[in-house]
Amino acid sequence: MAAEEVLQTVDHYKTEIERLTKELTETTHEKIQAAEYGLVVLEEKLTLKQQYDELEAEYDSLKLELEQLKEGPLLIRDD
């Protein structure tokens, strides 16, 4: 009877190891997916930041040009 109990205990531990291995695999896969998503978000953030910086520089340039046009003399031709 002791041998039967040992076999049941071994079977229980095998089942538990299989369950934990499966859970570890799933958790690892989820972490990898989360990391990949995080990288995509970071890349998109970088792209948006670059676009923002370009638009801000263009805005500043156009604003300066407008100020110069407002300050400069108006040339009116009489034909």
Protein backbone atom coordinates (compact mmCIF):
# COMPACT_ATOMS: atom_id res chain seq x y z
CA MET A 1 0.00 0.00 0.00
CA ALA A 2 2.88 2.40 0.66
CA ALA A 3 4.10 1.91 -2.92
CA GLU A 4 0.65 2.84 -4.24
CA GLU A 5 0.67 6.04 -2.20
CA VAL A 6 4.12 6.90 -3.52
CA LEU A 7 2.90 6.37 -7.10
CA GLN A 8 -0.10 8.62 -6.46
CA THR A 9 2.17 11.30 -4.99
CA VAL A 10 4.53 11.04 -7.97
CA ASP A 11 1.58 11.32 -10.36
CA HIS A 12 0.30 14.33 -8.43
CA TYR A 13 3.71 16.03 -8.69
CA LYS A 14 3.96 15.25 -12.41
CA THR A 15 0.55 16.78 -12.97
CA GLU A 16 1.51 19.84 -10.92
CA ILE A 17 4.79 20.24 -12.85
CA GLU A 18 2.90 20.06 -16.16
CA ARG A 19 0.39 22.66 -14.96
CA LEU A 20 3.10 25.01 -13.73
CA THR A 21 5.13 24.57 -16.92
CA LYS A 22 2.10 25.43 -19.03
CA GLU A 23 1.33 28.46 -16.85
CA LEU A 24 4.95 29.63 -17.07
CA THR A 25 4.91 29.30 -20.85
CA GLU A 26 1.69 31.30 -21.13
CA THR A 27 2.94 34.00 -18.77
CA THR A 28 6.23 34.27 -20.64
CA HIS A 29 4.35 34.62 -23.93
CA GLU A 30 2.17 37.38 -22.45
CA LYS A 31 5.23 39.25 -21.20
CA ILE A 32 6.85 39.04 -24.63
CA GLN A 33 3.68 40.38 -26.25
CA ALA A 34 3.55 43.23 -23.74
CA ALA A 35 7.19 44.09 -24.41
CA GLU A 36 6.63 44.08 -28.19
CA TYR A 37 3.59 46.33 -27.77
CA GLY A 38 5.65 48.66 -25.59
CA LEU A 39 8.30 48.92 -28.30
CA VAL A 40 5.66 49.77 -30.90
CA VAL A 41 4.28 52.49 -28.63
CA LEU A 42 7.76 53.91 -28.06
CA GLU A 43 8.49 53.95 -31.80
CA GLU A 44 5.19 55.71 -32.48
CA LYS A 45 5.94 58.23 -29.74
CA LEU A 46 9.34 58.96 -31.28
CA THR A 47 7.79 59.44 -34.72
CA LEU A 48 5.14 61.78 -33.32
CA LYS A 49 7.78 63.75 -31.42
CA GLN A 50 9.82 64.18 -34.61
CA GLN A 51 6.74 65.33 -36.51
CA TYR A 52 5.87 67.74 -33.70
CA ASP A 53 9.38 69.20 -33.69
CA GLU A 54 9.29 69.66 -37.47
CA LEU A 55 5.88 71.35 -37.33
CA GLU A 56 6.98 73.57 -34.46
CA ALA A 57 10.08 74.66 -36.39
CA GLU A 58 7.96 75.39 -39.47
CA TYR A 59 5.48 77.34 -37.34
CA ASP A 60 8.27 79.44 -35.81
CA SER A 61 9.73 80.12 -39.26
CA LEU A 62 6.36 81.18 -40.69
CA LYS A 63 5.61 83.31 -37.64
CA LEU A 64 8.93 85.15 -38.06
CA GLU A 65 8.28 85.61 -41.77
CA LEU A 66 4.84 87.07 -41.04
CA GLU A 67 6.28 89.48 -38.47
CA GLN A 68 8.90 90.62 -40.98
CA LEU A 69 6.24 91.17 -43.62
CA LYS A 70 4.15 93.21 -41.19
CA GLU A 71 7.14 95.38 -40.22
CA GLY A 72 8.54 95.87 -43.72
CA PRO A 73 7.44 98.66 -46.02
CA LEU A 74 4.60 97.97 -48.36
CA LEU A 75 5.57 98.45 -51.95
CA ILE A 76 2.74 99.66 -54.10
CA ARG A 77 3.35 100.17 -57.76
CA ASP A 78 1.59 102.92 -59.65
CA ASP A 79 1.34 102.10 -63.29
